[in-house]
């Protein structure tokens, strides 16, 4: 087994990635970007995904977490935690090749009101169609002739107008 040693503090690691993450913090005098949780006093200077995982695991109801168990009501912030749950509780292994093709979007319109006429038009569309199948997206028009695209959903969610969950074939168990 190869051992990787930090040249600044002599701490050893069993993986190159472990050393890489450590070396970003060790003996580095650069100003580090700090990610702060808006719900509590948690903060990290690591990758932003650490903050995202924290928010999902500590501040998000299980039914809204991104990795849902299809056999019970448990939800997980990370895929690896779902895999461990499936093995331990249900004695099942998740398939290695998962089809991640999005089949439909489940949309919830939030209370924030947009100013833009185009965005208002999309919000009306989401109210009319809270579940949008990807195969039908090109037939959904807003603001007269504009065709709804996935990036519109991402934009509207980022701005706080909607929340959506994308569903794959595996999610829908088709």
N, C-alpha and C. Protein backbone atom coordinates (compact mmCIF):
# COMPACT_ATOMS: atom_id res chain seq x y z
N UNK A 1 0.84 -1.18 0.00
CA UNK A 1 0.00 0.00 0.00
C UNK A 1 0.89 1.24 0.00
N UNK A 2 0.54 2.17 -0.85
CA UNK A 2 1.32 3.41 -0.96
C UNK A 2 0.87 4.39 0.12
N UNK A 3 1.84 5.05 0.73
CA UNK A 3 1.58 6.07 1.74
C UNK A 3 1.98 7.42 1.14
N UNK A 4 1.11 8.42 1.30
CA UNK A 4 1.38 9.76 0.81
C UNK A 4 1.63 10.66 2.02
N UNK A 5 2.75 11.39 2.00
CA UNK A 5 3.16 12.20 3.14
C UNK A 5 3.16 13.68 2.77
N UNK A 6 2.59 14.49 3.66
CA UNK A 6 2.56 15.94 3.47
C UNK A 6 3.98 16.49 3.68
N UNK A 7 4.45 17.28 2.73
CA UNK A 7 5.82 17.82 2.83
C UNK A 7 5.93 18.96 3.84
N UNK A 8 4.78 19.45 4.32
CA UNK A 8 4.80 20.56 5.28
C UNK A 8 4.74 20.09 6.73
N UNK A 9 3.92 19.06 7.01
CA UNK A 9 3.74 18.64 8.40
C UNK A 9 4.02 17.16 8.65
N UNK A 10 4.39 16.44 7.62
CA UNK A 10 4.72 15.01 7.69
C UNK A 10 3.54 14.11 8.05
N UNK A 11 2.33 14.61 7.98
CA UNK A 11 1.15 13.77 8.20
C UNK A 11 1.02 12.82 7.02
N UNK A 12 0.67 11.54 7.28
CA UNK A 12 0.58 10.58 6.18
C UNK A 12 -0.87 10.21 5.86
N UNK A 13 -1.08 9.86 4.60
CA UNK A 13 -2.40 9.54 4.07
C UNK A 13 -2.31 8.27 3.23
N UNK A 14 -3.42 7.53 3.18
CA UNK A 14 -3.45 6.30 2.39
C UNK A 14 -3.91 6.56 0.95
N UNK A 15 -4.39 7.77 0.69
CA UNK A 15 -4.83 8.08 -0.67
C UNK A 15 -4.26 9.42 -1.11
N UNK A 16 -4.07 9.53 -2.42
CA UNK A 16 -3.55 10.77 -2.98
C UNK A 16 -4.57 11.91 -2.80
N UNK A 17 -5.86 11.56 -2.90
CA UNK A 17 -6.89 12.59 -2.74
C UNK A 17 -6.93 13.10 -1.30
N UNK A 18 -6.68 12.21 -0.32
CA UNK A 18 -6.63 12.64 1.08
C UNK A 18 -5.51 13.65 1.29
N UNK A 19 -4.35 13.38 0.70
CA UNK A 19 -3.24 14.32 0.80
C UNK A 19 -3.58 15.62 0.09
N UNK A 20 -4.23 15.53 -1.05
CA UNK A 20 -4.58 16.73 -1.82
C UNK A 20 -5.50 17.64 -1.01
N UNK A 21 -6.58 17.06 -0.41
CA UNK A 21 -7.49 17.88 0.41
C UNK A 21 -6.75 18.49 1.60
N UNK A 22 -5.89 17.69 2.24
CA UNK A 22 -5.12 18.18 3.39
C UNK A 22 -4.18 19.31 2.96
N UNK A 23 -3.52 19.14 1.83
CA UNK A 23 -2.52 20.14 1.41
C UNK A 23 -3.16 21.48 1.04
N UNK A 24 -4.45 21.46 0.71
CA UNK A 24 -5.15 22.72 0.44
C UNK A 24 -5.24 23.58 1.69
N UNK A 25 -5.22 22.94 2.87
CA UNK A 25 -5.35 23.66 4.13
C UNK A 25 -4.02 23.81 4.86
N UNK A 26 -3.13 22.85 4.69
CA UNK A 26 -1.87 22.83 5.44
C UNK A 26 -0.88 23.85 4.88
N UNK A 27 -0.35 24.69 5.74
CA UNK A 27 0.69 25.66 5.37
C UNK A 27 0.28 26.55 4.20
N UNK A 28 -1.00 26.87 4.15
CA UNK A 28 -1.49 27.69 3.06
C UNK A 28 -1.97 29.02 3.65
N UNK A 29 -1.30 30.08 3.32
CA UNK A 29 -1.62 31.39 3.88
C UNK A 29 -2.61 32.17 3.03
N UNK A 30 -3.10 31.57 1.95
CA UNK A 30 -4.07 32.25 1.10
C UNK A 30 -5.39 32.45 1.85
N UNK A 31 -6.12 33.47 1.45
CA UNK A 31 -7.45 33.69 2.03
C UNK A 31 -8.36 32.61 1.46
N UNK A 32 -9.00 31.89 2.36
CA UNK A 32 -9.86 30.78 1.95
C UNK A 32 -11.31 31.23 1.94
N UNK A 33 -12.04 30.76 0.96
CA UNK A 33 -13.47 31.05 0.92
C UNK A 33 -14.15 30.18 1.96
N UNK A 34 -14.98 30.79 2.75
CA UNK A 34 -15.67 30.07 3.80
C UNK A 34 -17.15 29.97 3.45
N UNK A 35 -17.68 28.78 3.50
CA UNK A 35 -19.09 28.54 3.23
C UNK A 35 -19.81 28.43 4.56
N UNK A 36 -20.87 29.23 4.74
CA UNK A 36 -21.61 29.27 6.00
C UNK A 36 -23.04 28.79 5.80
N UNK A 37 -23.51 28.03 6.76
CA UNK A 37 -24.89 27.55 6.75
C UNK A 37 -25.82 28.69 7.15
N UNK A 38 -26.90 28.86 6.42
CA UNK A 38 -27.85 29.93 6.73
C UNK A 38 -28.83 29.52 7.84
N UNK A 39 -28.75 28.26 8.28
CA UNK A 39 -29.67 27.76 9.30
C UNK A 39 -29.04 27.64 10.69
N UNK A 40 -27.71 27.52 10.73
CA UNK A 40 -27.03 27.35 12.01
C UNK A 40 -25.62 27.95 11.90
N UNK A 41 -24.76 27.70 12.87
CA UNK A 41 -23.43 28.31 12.84
C UNK A 41 -22.37 27.42 12.20
N UNK A 42 -22.78 26.40 11.44
CA UNK A 42 -21.83 25.54 10.74
C UNK A 42 -21.13 26.34 9.64
N UNK A 43 -19.83 26.12 9.50
CA UNK A 43 -19.07 26.73 8.41
C UNK A 43 -17.96 25.79 7.99
N UNK A 44 -17.56 25.90 6.72
CA UNK A 44 -16.49 25.06 6.20
C UNK A 44 -15.70 25.85 5.16
N UNK A 45 -14.42 25.58 5.11
CA UNK A 45 -13.59 26.18 4.06
C UNK A 45 -13.31 25.14 2.97
N UNK A 46 -13.92 23.97 3.12
CA UNK A 46 -13.78 22.91 2.13
C UNK A 46 -14.66 23.17 0.92
N UNK A 47 -14.82 22.17 0.08
CA UNK A 47 -15.67 22.34 -1.11
C UNK A 47 -17.10 22.66 -0.71
N UNK A 48 -17.79 23.39 -1.56
CA UNK A 48 -19.16 23.81 -1.26
C UNK A 48 -20.08 22.61 -1.06
N UNK A 49 -19.75 21.47 -1.68
CA UNK A 49 -20.59 20.28 -1.52
C UNK A 49 -20.67 19.84 -0.06
N UNK A 50 -19.65 20.16 0.74
CA UNK A 50 -19.71 19.84 2.17
C UNK A 50 -20.84 20.61 2.85
N UNK A 51 -20.99 21.88 2.50
CA UNK A 51 -22.08 22.68 3.05
C UNK A 51 -23.43 22.15 2.55
N UNK A 52 -23.51 21.81 1.28
CA UNK A 52 -24.75 21.30 0.70
C UNK A 52 -25.15 20.00 1.41
N UNK A 53 -24.19 19.10 1.61
CA UNK A 53 -24.48 17.85 2.32
C UNK A 53 -24.93 18.12 3.75
N UNK A 54 -24.31 19.09 4.41
CA UNK A 54 -24.71 19.47 5.77
C UNK A 54 -26.17 19.93 5.78
N UNK A 55 -26.53 20.81 4.85
CA UNK A 55 -27.89 21.34 4.81
C UNK A 55 -28.90 20.22 4.56
N UNK A 56 -28.58 19.33 3.61
CA UNK A 56 -29.48 18.21 3.35
C UNK A 56 -29.62 17.30 4.57
N UNK A 57 -28.52 17.02 5.26
CA UNK A 57 -28.60 16.06 6.37
C UNK A 57 -29.13 16.66 7.66
N UNK A 58 -28.92 17.95 7.91
CA UNK A 58 -29.31 18.54 9.19
C UNK A 58 -30.56 19.42 9.13
N UNK A 59 -30.85 20.00 7.97
CA UNK A 59 -31.92 21.00 7.91
C UNK A 59 -33.00 20.68 6.88
N UNK A 60 -32.93 19.53 6.22
CA UNK A 60 -33.90 19.18 5.19
C UNK A 60 -34.69 17.96 5.65
N UNK A 61 -36.02 18.02 5.58
CA UNK A 61 -36.82 16.85 5.95
C UNK A 61 -36.42 15.64 5.08
N UNK A 62 -36.48 14.46 5.68
CA UNK A 62 -36.04 13.26 4.96
C UNK A 62 -36.74 13.07 3.63
N UNK A 63 -38.03 13.40 3.56
CA UNK A 63 -38.78 13.17 2.32
C UNK A 63 -38.35 14.10 1.19
N UNK A 64 -37.57 15.16 1.52
CA UNK A 64 -37.11 16.11 0.50
C UNK A 64 -35.63 15.95 0.17
N UNK A 65 -34.96 14.98 0.78
CA UNK A 65 -33.54 14.78 0.50
C UNK A 65 -33.37 14.13 -0.87
N UNK A 66 -32.21 14.33 -1.51
CA UNK A 66 -32.06 13.92 -2.91
C UNK A 66 -32.02 12.41 -3.15
N UNK A 67 -31.66 11.61 -2.15
CA UNK A 67 -31.54 10.16 -2.35
C UNK A 67 -32.57 9.45 -1.48
N UNK A 68 -33.64 8.99 -2.11
CA UNK A 68 -34.76 8.39 -1.41
C UNK A 68 -34.75 6.86 -1.53
N UNK A 69 -35.07 6.19 -0.43
CA UNK A 69 -35.20 4.74 -0.44
C UNK A 69 -36.55 4.39 -1.06
N UNK A 70 -36.55 3.47 -2.01
CA UNK A 70 -37.80 3.10 -2.67
C UNK A 70 -38.57 2.05 -1.89
N UNK A 71 -38.01 1.59 -0.74
CA UNK A 71 -38.68 0.55 0.05
C UNK A 71 -39.23 1.05 1.37
N UNK A 72 -38.82 2.23 1.79
CA UNK A 72 -39.34 2.82 3.03
C UNK A 72 -39.30 4.34 2.91
N UNK A 73 -39.59 5.04 3.96
CA UNK A 73 -39.70 6.50 3.90
C UNK A 73 -38.41 7.24 4.20
N UNK A 74 -37.29 6.57 4.17
CA UNK A 74 -36.02 7.22 4.51
C UNK A 74 -35.47 7.99 3.32
N UNK A 75 -34.84 9.13 3.62
CA UNK A 75 -34.17 9.94 2.62
C UNK A 75 -32.78 10.29 3.10
N UNK A 76 -31.83 10.44 2.18
CA UNK A 76 -30.44 10.64 2.55
C UNK A 76 -29.83 11.78 1.76
N UNK A 77 -28.85 12.44 2.37
CA UNK A 77 -28.15 13.55 1.73
C UNK A 77 -27.15 13.04 0.70
N UNK A 78 -26.60 11.86 0.93
CA UNK A 78 -25.56 11.33 0.06
C UNK A 78 -25.94 9.94 -0.44
N UNK A 79 -25.57 9.65 -1.65
CA UNK A 79 -25.88 8.37 -2.27
C UNK A 79 -25.26 7.22 -1.49
N UNK A 80 -24.05 7.41 -0.99
CA UNK A 80 -23.37 6.34 -0.27
C UNK A 80 -24.14 5.95 1.00
N UNK A 81 -24.81 6.93 1.63
CA UNK A 81 -25.60 6.63 2.81
C UNK A 81 -26.84 5.82 2.45
N UNK A 82 -27.45 6.12 1.30
CA UNK A 82 -28.57 5.32 0.82
C UNK A 82 -28.11 3.89 0.53
N UNK A 83 -26.95 3.74 -0.11
CA UNK A 83 -26.44 2.42 -0.41
C UNK A 83 -26.21 1.60 0.86
N UNK A 84 -25.62 2.22 1.89
CA UNK A 84 -25.41 1.52 3.16
C UNK A 84 -26.74 1.12 3.79
N UNK A 85 -27.72 2.02 3.75
CA UNK A 85 -29.06 1.74 4.28
C UNK A 85 -29.69 0.56 3.55
N UNK A 86 -29.63 0.58 2.22
CA UNK A 86 -30.23 -0.49 1.42
C UNK A 86 -29.63 -1.84 1.79
N UNK A 87 -28.32 -1.88 1.96
CA UNK A 87 -27.63 -3.13 2.30
C UNK A 87 -27.98 -3.57 3.72
N UNK A 88 -27.90 -2.65 4.68
CA UNK A 88 -28.09 -3.00 6.09
C UNK A 88 -29.55 -3.30 6.44
N UNK A 89 -30.47 -2.45 5.97
CA UNK A 89 -31.88 -2.57 6.38
C UNK A 89 -32.67 -3.49 5.45
N UNK A 90 -32.44 -3.39 4.16
CA UNK A 90 -33.25 -4.15 3.19
C UNK A 90 -32.48 -5.31 2.56
N UNK A 91 -31.20 -5.45 2.91
CA UNK A 91 -30.35 -6.52 2.38
C UNK A 91 -30.33 -6.51 0.85
N UNK A 92 -30.24 -5.31 0.27
CA UNK A 92 -30.23 -5.15 -1.18
C UNK A 92 -29.03 -4.32 -1.60
N UNK A 93 -28.50 -4.62 -2.78
CA UNK A 93 -27.45 -3.80 -3.38
C UNK A 93 -28.08 -2.97 -4.48
N UNK A 94 -27.73 -1.67 -4.51
CA UNK A 94 -28.20 -0.83 -5.61
C UNK A 94 -27.49 -1.25 -6.89
N UNK A 95 -28.18 -1.19 -8.02
CA UNK A 95 -27.51 -1.54 -9.27
C UNK A 95 -26.37 -0.58 -9.58
N UNK A 96 -25.32 -1.11 -10.19
CA UNK A 96 -24.15 -0.27 -10.47
C UNK A 96 -24.42 0.72 -11.59
N UNK A 97 -25.14 0.30 -12.61
CA UNK A 97 -25.43 1.19 -13.73
C UNK A 97 -26.85 1.72 -13.59
N UNK A 98 -26.95 2.96 -13.18
CA UNK A 98 -28.26 3.58 -13.00
C UNK A 98 -28.50 4.54 -14.16
N UNK A 99 -29.66 4.41 -14.77
CA UNK A 99 -30.03 5.31 -15.86
C UNK A 99 -30.45 6.64 -15.24
N UNK A 100 -29.67 7.68 -15.48
CA UNK A 100 -29.94 8.98 -14.88
C UNK A 100 -30.71 9.91 -15.82
N UNK A 101 -31.27 9.37 -16.87
CA UNK A 101 -32.05 10.18 -17.79
C UNK A 101 -33.30 10.70 -17.08
N UNK A 102 -33.49 12.00 -17.10
CA UNK A 102 -34.63 12.60 -16.42
C UNK A 102 -35.88 12.38 -17.27
N UNK A 103 -36.90 11.82 -16.63
CA UNK A 103 -38.16 11.53 -17.30
C UNK A 103 -39.18 12.63 -17.03
N UNK A 104 -39.21 13.12 -15.79
CA UNK A 104 -40.16 14.17 -15.47
C UNK A 104 -39.65 15.04 -14.32
N UNK A 105 -40.25 16.22 -14.23
CA UNK A 105 -39.94 17.18 -13.18
C UNK A 105 -41.19 17.37 -12.32
N UNK A 106 -41.03 17.30 -11.00
CA UNK A 106 -42.12 17.55 -10.06
C UNK A 106 -41.87 18.93 -9.47
N UNK A 107 -42.76 19.86 -9.76
CA UNK A 107 -42.53 21.28 -9.46
C UNK A 107 -43.49 21.77 -8.39
N UNK A 108 -42.93 22.52 -7.44
CA UNK A 108 -43.72 23.21 -6.43
C UNK A 108 -43.45 24.71 -6.59
N UNK A 109 -44.49 25.48 -6.81
CA UNK A 109 -44.34 26.93 -6.93
C UNK A 109 -44.27 27.51 -5.52
N UNK A 110 -43.26 28.36 -5.28
CA UNK A 110 -43.05 28.96 -3.97
C UNK A 110 -43.73 30.33 -3.89
N UNK A 111 -43.65 30.97 -2.74
CA UNK A 111 -44.37 32.23 -2.51
C UNK A 111 -43.72 33.45 -3.15
N UNK A 112 -42.46 33.38 -3.51
CA UNK A 112 -41.77 34.54 -4.06
C UNK A 112 -42.35 34.88 -5.44
N UNK A 113 -42.65 36.16 -5.66
CA UNK A 113 -43.26 36.60 -6.93
C UNK A 113 -42.22 37.23 -7.84
N UNK A 114 -42.17 36.78 -9.09
CA UNK A 114 -41.22 37.37 -10.03
C UNK A 114 -41.71 38.72 -10.55
N UNK A 115 -40.78 39.50 -11.06
CA UNK A 115 -41.10 40.80 -11.66
C UNK A 115 -41.22 40.66 -13.17
N UNK A 116 -40.35 39.85 -13.75
CA UNK A 116 -40.30 39.67 -15.20
C UNK A 116 -41.58 39.03 -15.74
N UNK A 117 -42.05 39.54 -16.85
CA UNK A 117 -43.24 39.00 -17.50
C UNK A 117 -43.01 37.58 -17.99
N UNK A 118 -41.81 37.32 -18.51
CA UNK A 118 -41.49 35.96 -18.98
C UNK A 118 -41.50 34.97 -17.83
N UNK A 119 -40.91 35.36 -16.71
CA UNK A 119 -40.87 34.46 -15.56
C UNK A 119 -42.27 34.24 -15.00
N UNK A 120 -43.09 35.29 -14.96
CA UNK A 120 -44.47 35.15 -14.51
C UNK A 120 -45.21 34.16 -15.41
N UNK A 121 -44.92 34.22 -16.69
CA UNK A 121 -45.56 33.31 -17.65
C UNK A 121 -45.16 31.86 -17.36
N UNK A 122 -43.88 31.65 -17.01
CA UNK A 122 -43.43 30.29 -16.66
C UNK A 122 -44.08 29.82 -15.36
N UNK A 123 -44.21 30.71 -14.39
CA UNK A 123 -44.83 30.35 -13.11
C UNK A 123 -46.28 29.90 -13.36
N UNK A 124 -46.99 30.60 -14.23
CA UNK A 124 -48.36 30.18 -14.60
C UNK A 124 -48.35 28.78 -15.21
N UNK A 125 -47.34 28.51 -16.03
CA UNK A 125 -47.20 27.19 -16.65
C UNK A 125 -46.96 26.12 -15.58
N UNK A 126 -46.10 26.42 -14.61
CA UNK A 126 -45.82 25.46 -13.52
C UNK A 126 -47.06 25.21 -12.68
N UNK A 127 -47.86 26.26 -12.46
CA UNK A 127 -49.10 26.07 -11.70
C UNK A 127 -50.06 25.16 -12.45
N UNK A 128 -50.09 25.31 -13.77
CA UNK A 128 -50.98 24.49 -14.59
C UNK A 128 -50.47 23.05 -14.71
N UNK A 129 -49.14 22.89 -14.78
CA UNK A 129 -48.52 21.58 -14.95
C UNK A 129 -47.48 21.35 -13.85
N UNK A 130 -47.90 20.90 -12.66
CA UNK A 130 -46.92 20.68 -11.58
C UNK A 130 -46.00 19.48 -11.83
N UNK A 131 -46.41 18.59 -12.73
CA UNK A 131 -45.54 17.49 -13.16
C UNK A 131 -45.37 17.63 -14.67
N UNK A 132 -44.12 17.82 -15.08
CA UNK A 132 -43.83 18.02 -16.50
C UNK A 132 -42.95 16.88 -16.98
N UNK A 133 -43.43 16.17 -17.97
CA UNK A 133 -42.64 15.09 -18.58
C UNK A 133 -41.67 15.70 -19.59
N UNK A 134 -40.43 15.21 -19.58
CA UNK A 134 -39.43 15.79 -20.48
C UNK A 134 -39.81 15.61 -21.94
N UNK A 135 -40.48 14.51 -22.27
CA UNK A 135 -40.87 14.29 -23.67
C UNK A 135 -41.91 15.31 -24.14
N UNK A 136 -42.60 15.97 -23.20
CA UNK A 136 -43.61 16.96 -23.56
C UNK A 136 -43.11 18.40 -23.43
N UNK A 137 -41.89 18.59 -22.97
CA UNK A 137 -41.39 19.95 -22.71
C UNK A 137 -41.43 20.84 -23.94
N UNK A 138 -41.05 20.28 -25.10
CA UNK A 138 -40.98 21.13 -26.29
C UNK A 138 -42.36 21.58 -26.78
N UNK A 139 -43.42 21.03 -26.21
CA UNK A 139 -44.76 21.48 -26.60
C UNK A 139 -45.33 22.49 -25.60
N UNK A 140 -44.61 22.75 -24.51
CA UNK A 140 -45.09 23.70 -23.51
C UNK A 140 -44.55 25.09 -23.83
N UNK A 141 -45.45 25.99 -24.10
CA UNK A 141 -45.08 27.36 -24.49
C UNK A 141 -45.39 28.33 -23.35
N UNK A 142 -44.53 29.32 -23.22
CA UNK A 142 -44.77 30.41 -22.28
C UNK A 142 -44.40 31.69 -23.00
N UNK A 143 -44.88 32.80 -22.50
CA UNK A 143 -44.62 34.11 -23.09
C UNK A 143 -44.79 34.06 -24.62
N UNK A 144 -45.94 33.63 -25.02
CA UNK A 144 -46.37 33.54 -26.42
C UNK A 144 -45.72 32.39 -27.16
N UNK A 145 -44.43 32.48 -27.48
CA UNK A 145 -43.82 31.47 -28.35
C UNK A 145 -42.60 30.78 -27.76
N UNK A 146 -42.20 31.15 -26.55
CA UNK A 146 -41.00 30.56 -25.94
C UNK A 146 -41.30 29.13 -25.51
N UNK A 147 -40.36 28.22 -25.77
CA UNK A 147 -40.49 26.82 -25.39
C UNK A 147 -39.76 26.57 -24.07
N UNK A 148 -40.41 25.89 -23.15
CA UNK A 148 -39.83 25.59 -21.85
C UNK A 148 -38.63 24.65 -22.01
N UNK A 149 -37.54 24.99 -21.36
CA UNK A 149 -36.31 24.19 -21.39
C UNK A 149 -35.88 23.89 -19.96
N UNK A 150 -35.09 22.82 -19.74
CA UNK A 150 -34.63 22.51 -18.38
C UNK A 150 -33.91 23.67 -17.70
N UNK A 151 -33.16 24.49 -18.45
CA UNK A 151 -32.44 25.59 -17.81
C UNK A 151 -33.40 26.62 -17.21
N UNK A 152 -34.63 26.71 -17.75
CA UNK A 152 -35.61 27.61 -17.15
C UNK A 152 -35.96 27.15 -15.73
N UNK A 153 -36.14 25.84 -15.57
CA UNK A 153 -36.45 25.29 -14.25
C UNK A 153 -35.33 25.57 -13.26
N UNK A 154 -34.09 25.36 -13.71
CA UNK A 154 -32.94 25.59 -12.84
C UNK A 154 -32.84 27.08 -12.46
N UNK A 155 -33.06 27.94 -13.42
CA UNK A 155 -33.02 29.39 -13.16
C UNK A 155 -34.10 29.78 -12.14
N UNK A 156 -35.32 29.31 -12.38
CA UNK A 156 -36.43 29.67 -11.51
C UNK A 156 -36.24 29.11 -10.09
N UNK A 157 -35.63 27.94 -9.99
CA UNK A 157 -35.35 27.39 -8.66
C UNK A 157 -34.25 28.19 -7.96
N UNK A 158 -33.20 28.53 -8.72
CA UNK A 158 -32.10 29.31 -8.14
C UNK A 158 -32.59 30.66 -7.63
N UNK A 159 -33.53 31.26 -8.34
CA UNK A 159 -34.06 32.56 -7.94
C UNK A 159 -35.10 32.46 -6.83
N UNK A 160 -35.52 31.24 -6.48
CA UNK A 160 -36.45 31.05 -5.37
C UNK A 160 -37.92 31.10 -5.74
N UNK A 161 -38.24 30.98 -7.03
CA UNK A 161 -39.63 31.00 -7.46
C UNK A 161 -40.29 29.63 -7.37
N UNK A 162 -39.48 28.58 -7.57
CA UNK A 162 -40.00 27.22 -7.54
C UNK A 162 -39.00 26.31 -6.83
N UNK A 163 -39.49 25.12 -6.51
CA UNK A 163 -38.62 24.02 -6.09
C UNK A 163 -39.02 22.86 -7.00
N UNK A 164 -38.06 22.12 -7.50
CA UNK A 164 -38.42 20.96 -8.30
C UNK A 164 -37.54 19.78 -7.96
N UNK A 165 -38.09 18.60 -8.21
CA UNK A 165 -37.35 17.36 -8.07
C UNK A 165 -37.42 16.67 -9.42
N UNK A 166 -36.27 16.30 -9.95
CA UNK A 166 -36.26 15.58 -11.22
C UNK A 166 -36.33 14.09 -10.93
N UNK A 167 -37.08 13.38 -11.76
CA UNK A 167 -37.28 11.94 -11.57
C UNK A 167 -36.73 11.19 -12.78
N UNK A 168 -35.99 10.12 -12.48
CA UNK A 168 -35.45 9.25 -13.53
C UNK A 168 -36.33 8.00 -13.65
N UNK A 169 -36.00 7.15 -14.60
CA UNK A 169 -36.73 5.90 -14.76
C UNK A 169 -36.63 5.09 -13.47
N UNK A 170 -35.43 5.05 -12.89
CA UNK A 170 -35.25 4.29 -11.65
C UNK A 170 -36.06 4.88 -10.51
N UNK A 171 -36.16 6.21 -10.44
CA UNK A 171 -36.96 6.85 -9.40
C UNK A 171 -38.43 6.46 -9.52
N UNK A 172 -38.91 6.43 -10.75
CA UNK A 172 -40.33 6.15 -10.99
C UNK A 172 -40.63 4.65 -11.05
N UNK A 173 -39.56 3.83 -11.04
CA UNK A 173 -39.68 2.36 -11.08
C UNK A 173 -40.57 1.90 -12.24
N UNK A 174 -40.24 2.42 -13.43
CA UNK A 174 -41.00 2.07 -14.63
C UNK A 174 -40.51 0.73 -15.14
